[in-house]
Amino acid sequence: MTDQGLQAAAKMFPEPSDEVDVRFPEGEEPVLLRSDGTVVDTWRENYPFRERLGRREYERAKRLLHIEMLKLQYWVQDTGQRVVIVFEGRDAAGKGGTIRRFTENLDPRGARVVALGTPTERERGQWYFQRYTRHLPTAGEMVLFDRSWYNRAGVERVMGYCDDEQYQRFLRQAPVFERMLVDDGVILVKLWFSVSRAEQRTRFIIRQVDPVRRWKLSANDLASLDRWDDYTQAKVAMLRATDTAQAPWTVVKSNDKRRARIEAMRSVLARLDYTDRDPDVIGEPDNRIVGAANTLLEQGEDDSSLSPTPIAPELTDEPGLHPD
């Protein structure tokens, strides 16, 4: 860790302390430390567990769920199903890491990850959804979108990359587009990864000071730091317009990355009746971590001007988690 990197992080993200440091435990996620050596545990913010999921329990659950993911893939291939899983959420919410765990043991010939960059000049002149349709699956294939057409409702809306007419057209067309996919037999799963404000900033700091993660800290990430409320309004507007019976959103609380990955896999597996599925392994998705879009909100999203549904009450008796 270079002093220059630490100084840059402290200047960019002064909230935890005037000085920051980071520890890299073997086999664990990096740990951010304050100048007095105490751990920055922002993951606890609005989170319904007192402890993170331990590595041993995580690895065991992940292996068993990976076996189920392979069964799912065999079923998709044997029956000619088409599966689309959309991974969306705030920056640093854990989408990419979850996608890697989803696909870790899948046959890459039948499971693709799509992560599109900035639209080309030609693509900007096309129907907005056109650049995404060419990546949709054929029979027997699974496609995982690392961000998707919902860029228009999030970063493009907040950062001004689209005008109001384009944005409103998207909100009208997205449910129709998705209904067409579902009506044609596509299995569509939409996952929104939710991270608290303080934990997002902690992850940004770690990206700044960790050389192997620094590439993840984009210009849009930095520009979004002071636009949390704007992104909140964009998120709630998006959910209101596109959380439909045909293509509902599933929210994954991801302050604990390991628990989020396990529950996201469990949520996908639980909704599909594939061959030789093991209900005991899949279990029941934990509704404190994964659930309907109107039941798992972050602080500031429970205001009636933003959402018609308050933060889910009485999910846990742990202190300081789901605010009143």
C-alpha atoms as a PDB file:
ATOM      1  CA  MET A   1       0.000   0.000   0.000  1.00  0.00           C
ATOM      2  CA  THR A   2       1.551   3.302  -1.014  1.00  0.00           C
ATOM      3  CA  ASP A   3       1.384   6.422   1.120  1.00  0.00           C
ATOM      4  CA  GLN A   4       0.263   8.289  -1.989  1.00  0.00           C
ATOM      5  CA  GLY A   5      -2.732   5.981  -2.408  1.00  0.00           C
ATOM      6  CA  LEU A   6      -3.747   6.331   1.240  1.00  0.00           C
ATOM      7  CA  GLN A   7      -3.432  10.113   1.152  1.00  0.00           C
ATOM      8  CA  ALA A   8      -5.533  10.260  -2.005  1.00  0.00           C
ATOM      9  CA  ALA A   9      -8.229   8.139  -0.383  1.00  0.00           C
ATOM     10  CA  ALA A  10      -8.262  10.243   2.781  1.00  0.00           C
ATOM     11  CA  LYS A  11      -8.614  13.418   0.741  1.00  0.00           C
ATOM     12  CA  MET A  12     -11.329  11.982  -1.494  1.00  0.00           C
ATOM     13  CA  PHE A  13     -13.316  10.291   1.257  1.00  0.00           C
ATOM     14  CA  PRO A  14     -12.747  12.166   4.533  1.00  0.00           C
ATOM     15  CA  GLU A  15     -15.756  10.759   6.399  1.00  0.00           C
ATOM     16  CA  PRO A  16     -14.195   7.771   8.219  1.00  0.00           C
ATOM     17  CA  SER A  17     -11.223   9.782   9.498  1.00  0.00           C
ATOM     18  CA  ASP A  18      -8.480  12.127   8.440  1.00  0.00           C
ATOM     19  CA  GLU A  19      -6.275   9.115   7.768  1.00  0.00           C
ATOM     20  CA  VAL A  20      -7.229   5.690   6.484  1.00  0.00           C
ATOM     21  CA  ASP A  21      -5.496   2.356   6.264  1.00  0.00           C
ATOM     22  CA  VAL A  22      -6.520  -1.000   4.908  1.00  0.00           C
ATOM     23  CA  ARG A  23      -5.701  -4.533   6.023  1.00  0.00           C
ATOM     24  CA  PHE A  24      -5.757  -7.552   3.733  1.00  0.00           C
ATOM     25  CA  PRO A  25      -6.537 -10.688   5.796  1.00  0.00           C
ATOM     26  CA  GLU A  26      -5.617 -13.867   3.922  1.00  0.00           C
ATOM     27  CA  GLY A  27      -8.641 -15.254   2.106  1.00  0.00           C
ATOM     28  CA  GLU A  28     -10.889 -12.439   3.334  1.00  0.00           C
ATOM     29  CA  GLU A  29     -12.239  -9.155   2.042  1.00  0.00           C
ATOM     30  CA  PRO A  30     -10.028  -6.094   2.699  1.00  0.00           C
ATOM     31  CA  VAL A  31     -10.735  -4.343   5.997  1.00  0.00           C
ATOM     32  CA  LEU A  32     -10.724  -0.550   6.266  1.00  0.00           C
ATOM     33  CA  LEU A  33      -9.207   0.905   9.441  1.00  0.00           C
ATOM     34  CA  ARG A  34      -9.472   4.326  11.061  1.00  0.00           C
ATOM     35  CA  SER A  35      -6.360   6.144  12.199  1.00  0.00           C
ATOM     36  CA  ASP A  36      -6.807   4.738  15.724  1.00  0.00           C
ATOM     37  CA  GLY A  37      -6.832   1.165  14.390  1.00  0.00           C
ATOM     38  CA  THR A  38     -10.555   0.530  14.819  1.00  0.00           C
ATOM     39  CA  VAL A  39     -12.415  -1.237  12.027  1.00  0.00           C
ATOM     40  CA  VAL A  40     -14.787   0.732   9.825  1.00  0.00           C
ATOM     41  CA  ASP A  41     -17.840  -1.547  10.039  1.00  0.00           C
ATOM     42  CA  THR A  42     -20.262   0.412   7.897  1.00  0.00           C
ATOM     43  CA  TRP A  43     -21.667  -2.889   6.600  1.00  0.00           C
ATOM     44  CA  ARG A  44     -23.810  -2.969   9.770  1.00  0.00           C
ATOM     45  CA  GLU A  45     -25.818   0.052   8.611  1.00  0.00           C
ATOM     46  CA  ASN A  46     -29.476  -0.962   8.195  1.00  0.00           C
ATOM     47  CA  TYR A  47     -28.463  -4.633   8.109  1.00  0.00           C
ATOM     48  CA  PRO A  48     -30.423  -7.406   9.851  1.00  0.00           C
ATOM     49  CA  PHE A  49     -27.451  -9.468  11.092  1.00  0.00           C
ATOM     50  CA  ARG A  50     -24.918  -8.767  13.819  1.00  0.00           C
ATOM     51  CA  GLU A  51     -22.139 -10.821  12.197  1.00  0.00           C
ATOM     52  CA  ARG A  52     -21.095 -11.382   8.616  1.00  0.00           C
ATOM     53  CA  LEU A  53     -21.458 -14.838   7.111  1.00  0.00           C
ATOM     54  CA  GLY A  54     -18.334 -16.833   8.001  1.00  0.00           C
ATOM     55  CA  ARG A  55     -16.033 -18.145   5.320  1.00  0.00           C
ATOM     56  CA  ARG A  56     -16.484 -21.835   6.156  1.00  0.00           C
ATOM     57  CA  GLU A  57     -20.283 -21.646   6.128  1.00  0.00           C
ATOM     58  CA  TYR A  58     -20.163 -19.540   2.972  1.00  0.00           C
ATOM     59  CA  GLU A  59     -17.915 -21.944   1.067  1.00  0.00           C
ATOM     60  CA  ARG A  60     -20.021 -24.943   2.031  1.00  0.00           C
ATOM     61  CA  ALA A  61     -23.284 -23.287   1.003  1.00  0.00           C
ATOM     62  CA  LYS A  62     -21.727 -21.974  -2.214  1.00  0.00           C
ATOM     63  CA  ARG A  63     -20.493 -25.408  -3.270  1.00  0.00           C
ATOM     64  CA  LEU A  64     -23.913 -27.010  -2.732  1.00  0.00           C
ATOM     65  CA  LEU A  65     -25.661 -24.196  -4.593  1.00  0.00           C
ATOM     66  CA  HIS A  66     -23.143 -24.458  -7.438  1.00  0.00           C
ATOM     67  CA  ILE A  67     -24.212 -28.080  -7.880  1.00  0.00           C
ATOM     68  CA  GLU A  68     -27.797 -26.843  -8.123  1.00  0.00           C
ATOM     69  CA  MET A  69     -26.728 -24.151 -10.623  1.00  0.00           C
ATOM     70  CA  LEU A  70     -25.231 -26.880 -12.811  1.00  0.00           C
ATOM     71  CA  LYS A  71     -28.475 -28.866 -12.597  1.00  0.00           C
ATOM     72  CA  LEU A  72     -30.278 -25.717 -13.681  1.00  0.00           C
ATOM     73  CA  GLN A  73     -27.931 -25.289 -16.631  1.00  0.00           C
ATOM     74  CA  TYR A  74     -28.378 -28.922 -17.713  1.00  0.00           C
ATOM     75  CA  TRP A  75     -32.153 -28.435 -17.592  1.00  0.00           C
ATOM     76  CA  VAL A  76     -31.910 -25.228 -19.609  1.00  0.00           C
ATOM     77  CA  GLN A  77     -29.815 -27.002 -22.254  1.00  0.00           C
ATOM     78  CA  ASP A  78     -31.910 -30.189 -22.351  1.00  0.00           C
ATOM     79  CA  THR A  79     -35.255 -28.400 -22.592  1.00  0.00           C
ATOM     80  CA  GLY A  80     -34.231 -25.452 -24.764  1.00  0.00           C
ATOM     81  CA  GLN A  81     -35.047 -22.828 -22.170  1.00  0.00           C
ATOM     82  CA  ARG A  82     -33.809 -19.243 -22.501  1.00  0.00           C
ATOM     83  CA  VAL A  83     -32.776 -17.522 -19.289  1.00  0.00           C
ATOM     84  CA  VAL A  84     -31.922 -13.852 -18.747  1.00  0.00           C
ATOM     85  CA  ILE A  85     -30.704 -12.640 -15.358  1.00  0.00           C
ATOM     86  CA  VAL A  86     -30.317  -8.881 -14.968  1.00  0.00           C
ATOM     87  CA  PHE A  87     -27.892  -7.646 -12.293  1.00  0.00           C
ATOM     88  CA  GLU A  88     -28.471  -4.018 -11.364  1.00  0.00           C
ATOM     89  CA  GLY A  89     -27.804  -1.796  -8.368  1.00  0.00           C
ATOM     90  CA  ARG A  90     -25.819   1.129  -7.074  1.00  0.00           C
ATOM     91  CA  ASP A  91     -22.106   1.392  -7.763  1.00  0.00           C
ATOM     92  CA  ALA A  92     -20.049  -0.935  -5.533  1.00  0.00           C
ATOM     93  CA  ALA A  93     -23.137  -2.926  -4.546  1.00  0.00           C
ATOM     94  CA  GLY A  94     -21.487  -6.265  -5.376  1.00  0.00           C
ATOM     95  CA  LYS A  95     -23.010  -7.099  -8.759  1.00  0.00           C
ATOM     96  CA  GLY A  96     -19.811  -8.209 -10.456  1.00  0.00           C
ATOM     97  CA  GLY A  97     -18.673 -10.417  -7.580  1.00  0.00           C
ATOM     98  CA  THR A  98     -22.064 -12.110  -7.450  1.00  0.00           C
ATOM     99  CA  ILE A  99     -22.018 -12.760 -11.200  1.00  0.00           C
ATOM    100  CA  ARG A 100     -18.605 -14.417 -10.851  1.00  0.00           C
ATOM    101  CA  ARG A 101     -19.990 -16.715  -8.148  1.00  0.00           C
ATOM    102  CA  PHE A 102     -23.046 -17.530 -10.260  1.00  0.00           C
ATOM    103  CA  THR A 103     -20.909 -18.593 -13.220  1.00  0.00           C
ATOM    104  CA  GLU A 104     -17.904 -20.009 -11.376  1.00  0.00           C
ATOM    105  CA  ASN A 105     -18.658 -23.638 -12.275  1.00  0.00           C
ATOM    106  CA  LEU A 106     -21.067 -23.233 -15.177  1.00  0.00           C
ATOM    107  CA  ASP A 107     -20.172 -24.352 -18.699  1.00  0.00           C
ATOM    108  CA  PRO A 108     -19.220 -21.081 -20.437  1.00  0.00           C
ATOM    109  CA  ARG A 109     -20.514 -22.455 -23.735  1.00  0.00           C
ATOM    110  CA  GLY A 110     -24.033 -22.215 -22.359  1.00  0.00           C
ATOM    111  CA  ALA A 111     -23.752 -19.285 -19.941  1.00  0.00           C
ATOM    112  CA  ARG A 112     -22.614 -15.841 -21.091  1.00  0.00           C
ATOM    113  CA  VAL A 113     -21.950 -12.631 -19.184  1.00  0.00           C
ATOM    114  CA  VAL A 114     -22.809  -9.435 -21.061  1.00  0.00           C
ATOM    115  CA  ALA A 115     -21.234  -6.189 -19.836  1.00  0.00           C
ATOM    116  CA  LEU A 116     -21.597  -3.507 -22.484  1.00  0.00           C
ATOM    117  CA  GLY A 117     -19.492  -0.390 -22.609  1.00  0.00           C
ATOM    118  CA  THR A 118     -20.352   3.102 -23.782  1.00  0.00           C
ATOM    119  CA  PRO A 119     -22.656   3.049 -26.828  1.00  0.00           C
ATOM    120  CA  THR A 120     -21.010   3.662 -30.185  1.00  0.00           C
ATOM    121  CA  GLU A 121     -22.159   6.472 -32.444  1.00  0.00           C
ATOM    122  CA  ARG A 122     -24.100   3.931 -34.489  1.00  0.00           C
ATOM    123  CA  GLU A 123     -25.762   2.462 -31.400  1.00  0.00           C
ATOM    124  CA  ARG A 124     -26.780   5.917 -30.193  1.00  0.00           C
ATOM    125  CA  GLY A 125     -28.762   6.281 -33.424  1.00  0.00           C
ATOM    126  CA  GLN A 126     -30.631   3.007 -32.913  1.00  0.00           C
ATOM    127  CA  TRP A 127     -33.720   2.080 -30.915  1.00  0.00           C
ATOM    128  CA  TYR A 128     -32.468   2.100 -27.336  1.00  0.00           C
ATOM    129  CA  PHE A 129     -33.103  -1.602 -26.664  1.00  0.00           C
ATOM    130  CA  GLN A 130     -31.517  -2.715 -29.936  1.00  0.00           C
ATOM    131  CA  ARG A 131     -27.957  -3.070 -28.621  1.00  0.00           C
ATOM    132  CA  TYR A 132     -29.261  -5.388 -25.904  1.00  0.00           C
ATOM    133  CA  THR A 133     -31.489  -7.581 -28.067  1.00  0.00           C
ATOM    134  CA  ARG A 134     -28.531  -8.916 -30.026  1.00  0.00           C
ATOM    135  CA  HIS A 135     -27.177 -10.410 -26.794  1.00  0.00           C
ATOM    136  CA  LEU A 136     -30.361 -12.229 -25.776  1.00  0.00           C
ATOM    137  CA  PRO A 137     -30.055 -16.009 -25.389  1.00  0.00           C
ATOM    138  CA  THR A 138     -30.904 -18.678 -27.896  1.00  0.00           C
ATOM    139  CA  ALA A 139     -32.482 -21.993 -26.917  1.00  0.00           C
ATOM    140  CA  GLY A 140     -30.507 -23.765 -24.195  1.00  0.00           C
ATOM    141  CA  GLU A 141     -28.588 -20.667 -23.094  1.00  0.00           C
ATOM    142  CA  MET A 142     -28.313 -18.464 -20.015  1.00  0.00           C
ATOM    143  CA  VAL A 143     -27.267 -14.810 -20.286  1.00  0.00           C
ATOM    144  CA  LEU A 144     -26.303 -12.710 -17.271  1.00  0.00           C
ATOM    145  CA  PHE A 145     -26.345  -8.946 -17.826  1.00  0.00           C
ATOM    146  CA  ASP A 146     -23.805  -7.033 -15.728  1.00  0.00           C
ATOM    147  CA  ARG A 147     -25.891  -3.876 -15.947  1.00  0.00           C
ATOM    148  CA  SER A 148     -28.486  -3.759 -18.669  1.00  0.00           C
ATOM    149  CA  TRP A 149     -31.032  -1.572 -20.404  1.00  0.00           C
ATOM    150  CA  TYR A 150     -31.696  -0.093 -16.950  1.00  0.00           C
ATOM    151  CA  ASN A 151     -28.649   2.138 -17.395  1.00  0.00           C
ATOM    152  CA  ARG A 152     -31.113   4.630 -18.832  1.00  0.00           C
ATOM    153  CA  ALA A 153     -33.170   4.732 -15.639  1.00  0.00           C
ATOM    154  CA  GLY A 154     -30.100   5.059 -13.411  1.00  0.00           C
ATOM    155  CA  VAL A 155     -26.762   6.520 -14.378  1.00  0.00           C
ATOM    156  CA  GLU A 156     -27.990   8.064 -17.632  1.00  0.00           C
ATOM    157  CA  ARG A 157     -30.870   9.783 -15.846  1.00  0.00           C
ATOM    158  CA  VAL A 158     -28.823  11.050 -12.907  1.00  0.00           C
ATOM    159  CA  MET A 159     -25.713  12.068 -14.844  1.00  0.00           C
ATOM    160  CA  GLY A 160     -27.639  13.726 -17.666  1.00  0.00           C
ATOM    161  CA  TYR A 161     -26.610  11.293 -20.409  1.00  0.00           C
ATOM    162  CA  CYS A 162     -30.175  11.165 -21.718  1.00  0.00           C
ATOM    163  CA  ASP A 163     -32.834  13.832 -22.015  1.00  0.00           C
ATOM    164  CA  ASP A 164     -36.207  13.762 -20.300  1.00  0.00           C
ATOM    165  CA  GLU A 165     -38.056  12.582 -23.403  1.00  0.00           C
ATOM    166  CA  GLN A 166     -35.686   9.602 -23.800  1.00  0.00           C
ATOM    167  CA  TYR A 167     -36.034   8.778 -20.107  1.00  0.00           C
ATOM    168  CA  GLN A 168     -39.841   8.909 -20.093  1.00  0.00           C
ATOM    169  CA  ARG A 169     -39.957   6.817 -23.262  1.00  0.00           C
ATOM    170  CA  PHE A 170     -37.775   4.215 -21.574  1.00  0.00           C
ATOM    171  CA  LEU A 171     -40.076   3.991 -18.551  1.00  0.00           C
ATOM    172  CA  ARG A 172     -43.008   3.402 -20.905  1.00  0.00           C
ATOM    173  CA  GLN A 173     -41.244   0.926 -23.169  1.00  0.00           C
ATOM    174  CA  ALA A 174     -39.301  -1.200 -20.649  1.00  0.00           C
ATOM    175  CA  PRO A 175     -42.355  -3.032 -19.234  1.00  0.00           C
ATOM    176  CA  VAL A 176     -43.605  -3.654 -22.796  1.00  0.00           C
ATOM    177  CA  PHE A 177     -40.191  -4.915 -23.918  1.00  0.00           C
ATOM    178  CA  GLU A 178     -39.977  -7.252 -20.948  1.00  0.00           C
ATOM    179  CA  ARG A 179     -43.525  -8.488 -21.397  1.00  0.00           C
ATOM    180  CA  MET A 180     -42.637  -9.411 -24.986  1.00  0.00           C
ATOM    181  CA  LEU A 181     -39.637 -11.401 -23.758  1.00  0.00           C
ATOM    182  CA  VAL A 182     -41.680 -13.246 -21.142  1.00  0.00           C
ATOM    183  CA  ASP A 183     -44.580 -13.877 -23.541  1.00  0.00           C
ATOM    184  CA  ASP A 184     -42.084 -15.448 -25.939  1.00  0.00           C
ATOM    185  CA  GLY A 185     -40.958 -17.891 -23.248  1.00  0.00           C
ATOM    186  CA  VAL A 186     -37.837 -16.156 -21.927  1.00  0.00           C
ATOM    187  CA  ILE A 187     -37.259 -16.700 -18.198  1.00  0.00           C
ATOM    188  CA  LEU A 188     -36.445 -13.181 -16.976  1.00  0.00           C
ATOM    189  CA  VAL A 189     -35.020 -12.534 -13.499  1.00  0.00           C
ATOM    190  CA  LYS A 190     -34.227  -8.977 -12.385  1.00  0.00           C
ATOM    191  CA  LEU A 191     -31.979  -8.529  -9.332  1.00  0.00           C
ATOM    192  CA  TRP A 192     -31.322  -5.146  -7.716  1.00  0.00           C
ATOM    193  CA  PHE A 193     -28.324  -5.090  -5.340  1.00  0.00           C
ATOM    194  CA  SER A 194     -28.827  -2.604  -2.531  1.00  0.00           C
ATOM    195  CA  VAL A 195     -25.940  -1.174  -0.512  1.00  0.00           C
ATOM    196  CA  SER A 196     -26.148   1.428   2.235  1.00  0.00           C
ATOM    197  CA  ARG A 197     -24.649   4.867   1.747  1.00  0.00           C
ATOM    198  CA  ALA A 198     -21.841   4.534   4.289  1.00  0.00           C
ATOM    199  CA  GLU A 199     -20.879   1.055   3.090  1.00  0.00           C
ATOM    200  CA  GLN A 200     -20.726   2.241  -0.505  1.00  0.00           C
ATOM    201  CA  ARG A 201     -18.228   4.939   0.461  1.00  0.00           C
ATOM    202  CA  THR A 202     -16.162   2.409   2.404  1.00  0.00           C
ATOM    203  CA  ARG A 203     -15.952   0.218  -0.671  1.00  0.00           C
ATOM    204  CA  PHE A 204     -14.937   3.195  -2.787  1.00  0.00           C
ATOM    205  CA  ILE A 205     -12.077   3.899  -0.370  1.00  0.00           C
ATOM    206  CA  ILE A 206     -10.895   0.294  -0.571  1.00  0.00           C
ATOM    207  CA  ARG A 207     -10.956   0.512  -4.355  1.00  0.00           C
ATOM    208  CA  GLN A 208      -8.809   3.632  -4.193  1.00  0.00           C
ATOM    209  CA  VAL A 209      -6.145   2.126  -1.937  1.00  0.00           C
ATOM    210  CA  ASP A 210      -6.099  -1.441  -3.314  1.00  0.00           C
ATOM    211  CA  PRO A 211      -4.073  -1.561  -6.568  1.00  0.00           C
ATOM    212  CA  VAL A 212      -5.914  -4.633  -7.898  1.00  0.00           C
ATOM    213  CA  ARG A 213      -9.320  -3.006  -7.355  1.00  0.00           C
ATOM    214  CA  ARG A 214      -8.531   0.532  -8.426  1.00  0.00           C
ATOM    215  CA  TRP A 215      -9.729  -0.076 -11.977  1.00  0.00           C
ATOM    216  CA  LYS A 216     -13.244  -0.471 -10.549  1.00  0.00           C
ATOM    217  CA  LEU A 217     -13.293   3.141  -9.338  1.00  0.00           C
ATOM    218  CA  SER A 218     -14.634   4.984 -12.358  1.00  0.00           C
ATOM    219  CA  ALA A 219     -15.208   8.640 -13.055  1.00  0.00           C
ATOM    220  CA  ASN A 220     -18.942   8.014 -12.695  1.00  0.00           C
ATOM    221  CA  ASP A 221     -18.345   6.456  -9.272  1.00  0.00           C
ATOM    222  CA  LEU A 222     -16.610   9.600  -8.055  1.00  0.00           C
ATOM    223  CA  ALA A 223     -19.196  11.871  -9.633  1.00  0.00           C
ATOM    224  CA  SER A 224     -21.993   9.911  -7.943  1.00  0.00           C
ATOM    225  CA  LEU A 225     -20.665  10.441  -4.411  1.00  0.00           C
ATOM    226  CA  ASP A 226     -22.685  13.605  -3.869  1.00  0.00           C
ATOM    227  CA  ARG A 227     -25.717  12.348  -5.780  1.00  0.00           C
ATOM    228  CA  TRP A 228     -26.975   9.642  -3.447  1.00  0.00           C
ATOM    229  CA  ASP A 229     -30.398  11.291  -3.140  1.00  0.00           C
ATOM    230  CA  ASP A 230     -30.644  11.712  -6.912  1.00  0.00           C
ATOM    231  CA  TYR A 231     -29.907   8.021  -7.390  1.00  0.00           C
ATOM    232  CA  THR A 232     -32.459   7.177  -4.701  1.00  0.00           C
ATOM    233  CA  GLN A 233     -35.181   9.085  -6.537  1.00  0.00           C
ATOM    234  CA  ALA A 234     -34.166   7.485  -9.841  1.00  0.00           C
ATOM    235  CA  LYS A 235     -34.191   4.029  -8.253  1.00  0.00           C
ATOM    236  CA  VAL A 236     -37.646   4.413  -6.723  1.00  0.00           C
ATOM    237  CA  ALA A 237     -39.087   5.874  -9.940  1.00  0.00           C
ATOM    238  CA  MET A 238     -37.621   2.955 -11.880  1.00  0.00           C
ATOM    239  CA  LEU A 239     -39.067   0.384  -9.481  1.00  0.00           C
ATOM    240  CA  ARG A 240     -42.482   2.025  -9.575  1.00  0.00           C
ATOM    241  CA  ALA A 241     -42.563   1.957 -13.381  1.00  0.00           C
ATOM    242  CA  THR A 242     -40.983  -1.441 -14.079  1.00  0.00           C
ATOM    243  CA  ASP A 243     -41.783  -3.719 -11.119  1.00  0.00           C
ATOM    244  CA  THR A 244     -44.519  -5.641 -12.935  1.00  0.00           C
ATOM    245  CA  ALA A 245     -46.296  -8.949 -12.447  1.00  0.00           C
ATOM    246  CA  GLN A 246     -44.630 -10.322 -15.591  1.00  0.00           C
ATOM    247  CA  ALA A 247     -41.147  -9.112 -14.666  1.00  0.00           C
ATOM    248  CA  PRO A 248     -40.874  -8.248 -10.967  1.00  0.00           C
ATOM    249  CA  TRP A 249     -37.751  -6.913  -9.290  1.00  0.00           C
ATOM    250  CA  THR A 250     -36.007  -8.815  -6.523  1.00  0.00           C
ATOM    251  CA  VAL A 251     -33.919  -6.701  -4.129  1.00  0.00           C
ATOM    252  CA  VAL A 252     -30.766  -8.161  -2.564  1.00  0.00           C
ATOM    253  CA  LYS A 253     -29.327  -6.375   0.486  1.00  0.00           C
ATOM    254  CA  SER A 254     -25.603  -6.639  -0.147  1.00  0.00           C
ATOM    255  CA  ASN A 255     -23.777  -4.965   2.748  1.00  0.00           C
ATOM    256  CA  ASP A 256     -22.540  -8.497   3.541  1.00  0.00           C
ATOM    257  CA  LYS A 257     -21.293  -9.651   0.143  1.00  0.00           C
ATOM    258  CA  ARG A 258     -21.127 -13.337   1.005  1.00  0.00           C
ATOM    259  CA  ARG A 259     -24.645 -13.490   2.330  1.00  0.00           C
ATOM    260  CA  ALA A 260     -25.898 -11.542  -0.699  1.00  0.00           C
ATOM    261  CA  ARG A 261     -24.273 -13.974  -3.131  1.00  0.00           C
ATOM    262  CA  ILE A 262     -25.737 -17.015  -1.390  1.00  0.00           C
ATOM    263  CA  GLU A 263     -29.232 -15.557  -1.121  1.00  0.00           C
ATOM    264  CA  ALA A 264     -29.201 -14.294  -4.715  1.00  0.00           C
ATOM    265  CA  MET A 265     -28.364 -17.783  -6.008  1.00  0.00           C
ATOM    266  CA  ARG A 266     -30.942 -19.294  -3.690  1.00  0.00           C
ATOM    267  CA  SER A 267     -33.581 -16.849  -4.923  1.00  0.00           C
ATOM    268  CA  VAL A 268     -33.003 -17.730  -8.574  1.00  0.00           C
ATOM    269  CA  LEU A 269     -32.952 -21.474  -7.947  1.00  0.00           C
ATOM    270  CA  ALA A 270     -36.050 -21.395  -5.745  1.00  0.00           C
ATOM    271  CA  ARG A 271     -38.257 -19.981  -8.508  1.00  0.00           C
ATOM    272  CA  LEU A 272     -37.424 -22.569 -11.197  1.00  0.00           C
ATOM    273  CA  ASP A 273     -38.667 -26.158 -11.354  1.00  0.00           C
ATOM    274  CA  TYR A 274     -35.616 -27.778 -12.964  1.00  0.00           C
ATOM    275  CA  THR A 275     -34.808 -31.495 -13.055  1.00  0.00           C
ATOM    276  CA  ASP A 276     -33.425 -33.159  -9.892  1.00  0.00           C
ATOM    277  CA  ARG A 277     -33.595 -29.966  -7.852  1.00  0.00           C
ATOM    278  CA  ASP A 278     -32.829 -30.482  -4.166  1.00  0.00           C
ATOM    279  CA  PRO A 279     -35.261 -28.425  -2.041  1.00  0.00           C
ATOM    280  CA  ASP A 280     -33.241 -29.110   1.112  1.00  0.00           C
ATOM    281  CA  VAL A 281     -30.136 -27.519  -0.428  1.00  0.00           C
ATOM    282  CA  ILE A 282     -31.991 -24.556  -1.905  1.00  0.00           C
ATOM    283  CA  GLY A 283     -33.998 -23.902   1.232  1.00  0.00           C
ATOM    284  CA  GLU A 284     -36.067 -20.760   1.605  1.00  0.00           C
ATOM    285  CA  PRO A 285     -34.575 -17.422   0.530  1.00  0.00           C
ATOM    286  CA  ASP A 286     -34.060 -15.239   3.604  1.00  0.00           C
ATOM    287  CA  ASN A 287     -36.604 -12.426   3.313  1.00  0.00           C
ATOM    288  CA  ARG A 288     -34.392 -10.186   5.451  1.00  0.00           C
ATOM    289  CA  ILE A 289     -31.830 -10.218   2.624  1.00  0.00           C
ATOM    290  CA  VAL A 290     -33.715 -10.948  -0.582  1.00  0.00           C
ATOM    291  CA  GLY A 291     -37.274 -10.095  -1.465  1.00  0.00           C
ATOM    292  CA  ALA A 292     -39.799  -7.927  -3.230  1.00  0.00           C
ATOM    293  CA  ALA A 293     -38.778  -4.410  -4.190  1.00  0.00           C
ATOM    294  CA  ASN A 294     -41.199  -2.750  -1.774  1.00  0.00           C
ATOM    295  CA  THR A 295     -40.022  -4.610   1.333  1.00  0.00           C
ATOM    296  CA  LEU A 296     -36.256  -4.052   1.421  1.00  0.00           C
ATOM    297  CA  LEU A 297     -35.520  -0.345   1.350  1.00  0.00           C
ATOM    298  CA  GLU A 298     -32.491   1.590   2.535  1.00  0.00           C
ATOM    299  CA  GLN A 299     -32.515   4.597   4.833  1.00  0.00           C
ATOM    300  CA  GLY A 300     -34.086   7.579   3.127  1.00  0.00           C
ATOM    301  CA  GLU A 301     -36.172   5.451   0.778  1.00  0.00           C
ATOM    302  CA  ASP A 302     -39.098   5.084   3.166  1.00  0.00           C
ATOM    303  CA  ASP A 303     -40.349   8.644   2.744  1.00  0.00           C
ATOM    304  CA  SER A 304     -43.854   8.684   1.307  1.00  0.00           C
ATOM    305  CA  SER A 305     -42.732  11.056  -1.415  1.00  0.00           C
ATOM    306  CA  LEU A 306     -40.385   8.382  -2.717  1.00  0.00           C
ATOM    307  CA  SER A 307     -42.120   5.084  -2.078  1.00  0.00           C
ATOM    308  CA  PRO A 308     -45.605   3.937  -1.127  1.00  0.00           C
ATOM    309  CA  THR A 309     -44.221   1.179   1.100  1.00  0.00           C
ATOM    310  CA  PRO A 310     -42.325   1.738   4.378  1.00  0.00           C
ATOM    311  CA  ILE A 311     -39.231  -0.182   5.378  1.00  0.00           C
ATOM    312  CA  ALA A 312     -40.327  -3.677   6.332  1.00  0.00           C
ATOM    313  CA  PRO A 313     -41.026  -3.704  10.098  1.00  0.00           C
ATOM    314  CA  GLU A 314     -40.068  -6.265  12.710  1.00  0.00           C
ATOM    315  CA  LEU A 315     -37.804  -8.345  10.504  1.00  0.00           C
ATOM    316  CA  THR A 316     -35.350  -8.662  13.377  1.00  0.00           C
ATOM    317  CA  ASP A 317     -34.906  -7.669  16.980  1.00  0.00           C
ATOM    318  CA  GLU A 318     -31.258  -6.768  16.451  1.00  0.00           C
ATOM    319  CA  PRO A 319     -30.493  -3.132  17.358  1.00  0.00           C
ATOM    320  CA  GLY A 320     -29.709  -0.383  14.924  1.00  0.00           C
ATOM    321  CA  LEU A 321     -30.643  -2.205  11.764  1.00  0.00           C
ATOM    322  CA  HIS A 322     -33.971  -1.441  10.119  1.00  0.00           C
ATOM    323  CA  PRO A 323     -34.779   2.124  11.179  1.00  0.00           C
ATOM    324  CA  ASP A 324     -38.150   3.012  12.628  1.00  0.00           C
END
